[in-house]
PDB file of N, CA and C in Angstrom:
ATOM      1  N   SER A   1       0.842  -1.022  -0.317  1.00  0.00           N
ATOM      2  CA  SER A   1      -0.077   0.234  -0.060  1.00  0.00           C
ATOM      3  C   SER A   1       0.315   1.119   0.255  1.00  0.00           C
ATOM      4  N   ASP A   2       0.011   2.034  -0.592  1.00  0.00           N
ATOM      5  CA  ASP A   2       1.522   3.455  -0.425  1.00  0.00           C
ATOM      6  C   ASP A   2       1.075   4.070   0.857  1.00  0.00           C
ATOM      7  N   LYS A   3       0.737   3.571   2.054  1.00  0.00           N
ATOM      8  CA  LYS A   3       1.191   4.123   3.125  1.00  0.00           C
ATOM      9  C   LYS A   3       2.166   2.952   4.714  1.00  0.00           C
ATOM     10  N   LYS A   4       2.731   2.321   4.060  1.00  0.00           N
ATOM     11  CA  LYS A   4       3.518   1.131   4.106  1.00  0.00           C
ATOM     12  C   LYS A   4       4.893   1.580   2.764  1.00  0.00           C
ATOM     13  N   ALA A   5       3.807   2.156   1.845  1.00  0.00           N
ATOM     14  CA  ALA A   5       5.938   2.108   1.040  1.00  0.00           C
ATOM     15  C   ALA A   5       5.938   3.687   1.957  1.00  0.00           C
ATOM     16  N   TYR A   6       5.641   4.239   1.829  1.00  0.00           N
ATOM     17  CA  TYR A   6       5.810   5.805   2.871  1.00  0.00           C
ATOM     18  C   TYR A   6       6.794   5.786   4.036  1.00  0.00           C
ATOM     19  N   GLN A   7       5.899   4.343   4.948  1.00  0.00           N
ATOM     20  CA  GLN A   7       7.318   4.587   5.578  1.00  0.00           C
ATOM     21  C   GLN A   7       8.445   3.796   5.474  1.00  0.00           C
ATOM     22  N   GLU A   8       8.522   2.807   4.623  1.00  0.00           N
ATOM     23  CA  GLU A   8       9.418   1.958   4.139  1.00  0.00           C
ATOM     24  C   GLU A   8      10.793   2.755   3.712  1.00  0.00           C
ATOM     25  N   THR A   9       9.794   4.092   2.874  1.00  0.00           N
ATOM     26  CA  THR A   9      11.521   4.627   2.733  1.00  0.00           C
ATOM     27  C   THR A   9      11.286   6.128   3.572  1.00  0.00           C
ATOM     28  N   LEU A  10      10.708   5.651   4.344  1.00  0.00           N
ATOM     29  CA  LEU A  10      10.832   7.582   5.548  1.00  0.00           C
ATOM     30  C   LEU A  10      12.218   6.716   6.003  1.00  0.00           C
ATOM     31  N   GLN A  11      11.904   5.692   6.864  1.00  0.00           N
ATOM     32  CA  GLN A  11      12.676   5.004   7.440  1.00  0.00           C
ATOM     33  C   GLN A  11      14.097   4.126   6.399  1.00  0.00           C
ATOM     34  N   LYS A  12      13.995   4.467   5.710  1.00  0.00           N
ATOM     35  CA  LYS A  12      15.092   4.402   4.574  1.00  0.00           C
ATOM     36  C   LYS A  12      15.974   5.553   4.917  1.00  0.00           C
ATOM     37  N   LEU A  13      15.213   6.857   4.570  1.00  0.00           N
ATOM     38  CA  LEU A  13      16.123   8.357   5.006  1.00  0.00           C
ATOM     39  C   LEU A  13      16.515   8.748   5.593  1.00  0.00           C
ATOM     40  N   ALA A  14      15.735   7.875   6.581  1.00  0.00           N
ATOM     41  CA  ALA A  14      16.027   8.468   8.334  1.00  0.00           C
ATOM     42  C   ALA A  14      17.331   7.532   8.173  1.00  0.00           C
ATOM     43  N   GLY A  15      17.849   6.694   7.483  1.00  0.00           N
ATOM     44  CA  GLY A  15      18.897   5.323   7.841  1.00  0.00           C
ATOM     45  C   GLY A  15      20.086   5.955   7.465  1.00  0.00           C
ATOM     46  N   LEU A  16      19.531   6.990   6.196  1.00  0.00           N
ATOM     47  CA  LEU A  16      20.935   6.969   5.674  1.00  0.00           C
ATOM     48  C   LEU A  16      21.027   8.614   5.938  1.00  0.00           C
ATOM     49  N   PHE A  17      20.527   9.489   6.772  1.00  0.00           N
ATOM     50  CA  PHE A  17      20.924  10.935   6.885  1.00  0.00           C
ATOM     51  C   PHE A  17      22.038  10.301   7.920  1.00  0.00           C
ATOM     52  N   ARG A  18      20.900   9.253   9.496  1.00  0.00           N
ATOM     53  CA  ARG A  18      22.171   8.934  10.333  1.00  0.00           C
ATOM     54  C   ARG A  18      23.297   8.897   9.689  1.00  0.00           C
ATOM     55  N   SER A  19      23.277   7.438   9.440  1.00  0.00           N
ATOM     56  CA  SER A  19      24.988   7.018   8.878  1.00  0.00           C
ATOM     57  C   SER A  19      26.251   8.022   8.010  1.00  0.00           C
ATOM     58  N   ASN A  20      24.852   9.052   7.337  1.00  0.00           N
ATOM     59  CA  ASN A  20      25.733  10.127   6.542  1.00  0.00           C
ATOM     60  C   ASN A  20      26.552  11.225   7.889  1.00  0.00           C
ATOM     61  N   PHE A  21      25.881  11.330   8.533  1.00  0.00           N
ATOM     62  CA  PHE A  21      26.044  12.214   9.618  1.00  0.00           C
ATOM     63  C   PHE A  21      27.285  11.706  10.572  1.00  0.00           C
ATOM     64  N   LYS A  22      27.112  10.522  10.268  1.00  0.00           N
ATOM     65  CA  LYS A  22      28.643   9.907  11.962  1.00  0.00           C
ATOM     66  C   LYS A  22      29.737  10.543  11.665  1.00  0.00           C
ATOM     67  N   LYS A  23      29.672  10.042  10.242  1.00  0.00           N
ATOM     68  CA  LYS A  23      31.449  11.468   9.783  1.00  0.00           C
ATOM     69  C   LYS A  23      31.793  12.220  10.646  1.00  0.00           C
ATOM     70  N   PHE A  24      30.391  12.841  10.972  1.00  0.00           N
ATOM     71  CA  PHE A  24      31.005  14.689  11.588  1.00  0.00           C
ATOM     72  C   PHE A  24      30.695  14.350  13.227  1.00  0.00           C
ATOM     73  N   THR A  25      30.486  13.146  13.664  1.00  0.00           N
ATOM     74  CA  THR A  25      30.312  13.597  14.898  1.00  0.00           C
ATOM     75  C   THR A  25      31.108  14.363  15.361  1.00  0.00           C
ATOM     76  N   GLY A  26      32.451  14.141  15.466  1.00  0.00           N
ATOM     77  CA  GLY A  26      33.851  14.714  15.977  1.00  0.00           C
ATOM     78  C   GLY A  26      34.244  15.471  15.414  1.00  0.00           C
ATOM     79  N   TYR A  27      33.239  16.591  14.586  1.00  0.00           N
ATOM     80  CA  TYR A  27      33.765  17.537  13.594  1.00  0.00           C
ATOM     81  C   TYR A  27      33.125  19.305  14.989  1.00  0.00           C
ATOM     82  N   GLU A  28      34.222  19.459  14.785  1.00  0.00           N
ATOM     83  CA  GLU A  28      34.764  20.674  16.063  1.00  0.00           C
ATOM     84  C   GLU A  28      34.610  21.985  14.824  1.00  0.00           C
ATOM     85  N   ILE A  29      33.960  22.784  14.775  1.00  0.00           N
ATOM     86  CA  ILE A  29      34.777  24.349  13.999  1.00  0.00           C
ATOM     87  C   ILE A  29      35.069  25.451  15.361  1.00  0.00           C
ATOM     88  N   GLY A  30      35.456  25.936  15.256  1.00  0.00           N
ATOM     89  CA  GLY A  30      37.075  25.870  16.002  1.00  0.00           C
ATOM     90  C   GLY A  30      37.211  25.209  17.323  1.00  0.00           C
ATOM     91  N   ASN A  31      36.702  25.287  18.466  1.00  0.00           N
ATOM     92  CA  ASN A  31      37.169  24.599  19.416  1.00  0.00           C
ATOM     93  C   ASN A  31      35.738  24.285  20.015  1.00  0.00           C
ATOM     94  N   SER A  32      34.437  24.552  19.512  1.00  0.00           N
ATOM     95  CA  SER A  32      33.296  23.941  19.673  1.00  0.00           C
ATOM     96  C   SER A  32      32.301  23.223  18.601  1.00  0.00           C
ATOM     97  N   SER A  33      32.074  21.812  19.491  1.00  0.00           N
ATOM     98  CA  SER A  33      30.712  20.712  18.986  1.00  0.00           C
ATOM     99  C   SER A  33      29.656  20.835  18.010  1.00  0.00           C
ATOM    100  N   ARG A  34      29.341  22.690  18.798  1.00  0.00           N
ATOM    101  CA  ARG A  34      28.009  23.118  19.346  1.00  0.00           C
ATOM    102  C   ARG A  34      27.095  22.388  18.064  1.00  0.00           C
ATOM    103  N   LEU A  35      27.268  22.844  16.508  1.00  0.00           N
ATOM    104  CA  LEU A  35      26.923  23.380  15.414  1.00  0.00           C
ATOM    105  C   LEU A  35      26.767  21.617  15.311  1.00  0.00           C
ATOM    106  N   THR A  36      27.354  21.018  15.189  1.00  0.00           N
ATOM    107  CA  THR A  36      27.438  19.473  14.985  1.00  0.00           C
ATOM    108  C   THR A  36      25.975  18.972  15.987  1.00  0.00           C
ATOM    109  N   GLU A  37      26.830  19.027  17.402  1.00  0.00           N
ATOM    110  CA  GLU A  37      25.675  18.416  17.759  1.00  0.00           C
ATOM    111  C   GLU A  37      23.733  19.413  17.892  1.00  0.00           C
ATOM    112  N   GLU A  38      23.836  20.233  17.123  1.00  0.00           N
ATOM    113  CA  GLU A  38      22.513  20.672  17.129  1.00  0.00           C
ATOM    114  C   GLU A  38      21.924  20.429  15.071  1.00  0.00           C
ATOM    115  N   ILE A  39      23.008  20.497  14.686  1.00  0.00           N
ATOM    116  CA  ILE A  39      23.143  19.087  13.189  1.00  0.00           C
ATOM    117  C   ILE A  39      22.398  18.371  13.193  1.00  0.00           C
ATOM    118  N   LEU A  40      22.907  17.116  14.695  1.00  0.00           N
ATOM    119  CA  LEU A  40      22.013  16.462  15.089  1.00  0.00           C
ATOM    120  C   LEU A  40      20.577  15.970  14.661  1.00  0.00           C
ATOM    121  N   ALA A  41      20.611  16.189  16.804  1.00  0.00           N
ATOM    122  CA  ALA A  41      19.477  16.604  17.339  1.00  0.00           C
ATOM    123  C   ALA A  41      18.596  17.056  16.512  1.00  0.00           C
ATOM    124  N   ALA A  42      18.526  17.906  15.320  1.00  0.00           N
ATOM    125  CA  ALA A  42      17.719  18.265  14.437  1.00  0.00           C
ATOM    126  C   ALA A  42      17.243  17.225  13.226  1.00  0.00           C
ATOM    127  N   GLY A  43      17.735  16.199  13.093  1.00  0.00           N
ATOM    128  CA  GLY A  43      17.599  14.870  12.395  1.00  0.00           C
ATOM    129  C   GLY A  43      16.660  14.187  12.483  1.00  0.00           C
ATOM    130  N   PRO A  44      16.527  13.197  11.561  1.00  0.00           N
ATOM    131  CA  PRO A  44      15.856  11.989  12.487  1.00  0.00           C
ATOM    132  C   PRO A  44      16.291  11.905  13.495  1.00  0.00           C
ATOM    133  N   GLN A  45      15.009  11.171  14.394  1.00  0.00           N
ATOM    134  CA  GLN A  45      15.936   9.691  15.338  1.00  0.00           C
ATOM    135  C   GLN A  45      15.884   8.444  15.364  1.00  0.00           C
TER     136      GLN A  45
END
C-alpha cells in the first residue's frame, strides 16, 4: 500500500541521514562541536 511504501521510504531516508552524519560526530568548528550537535539533534531520531 502507499502508506507502507511511504513508511519504508521514510525509514530508509532517516537511516541514510544518520549514516551520512556519523562522520561529522567529532567535527568541531574552532573549539566547539555545538553546531554538529544541533544538526544531529534536528535530524531524524
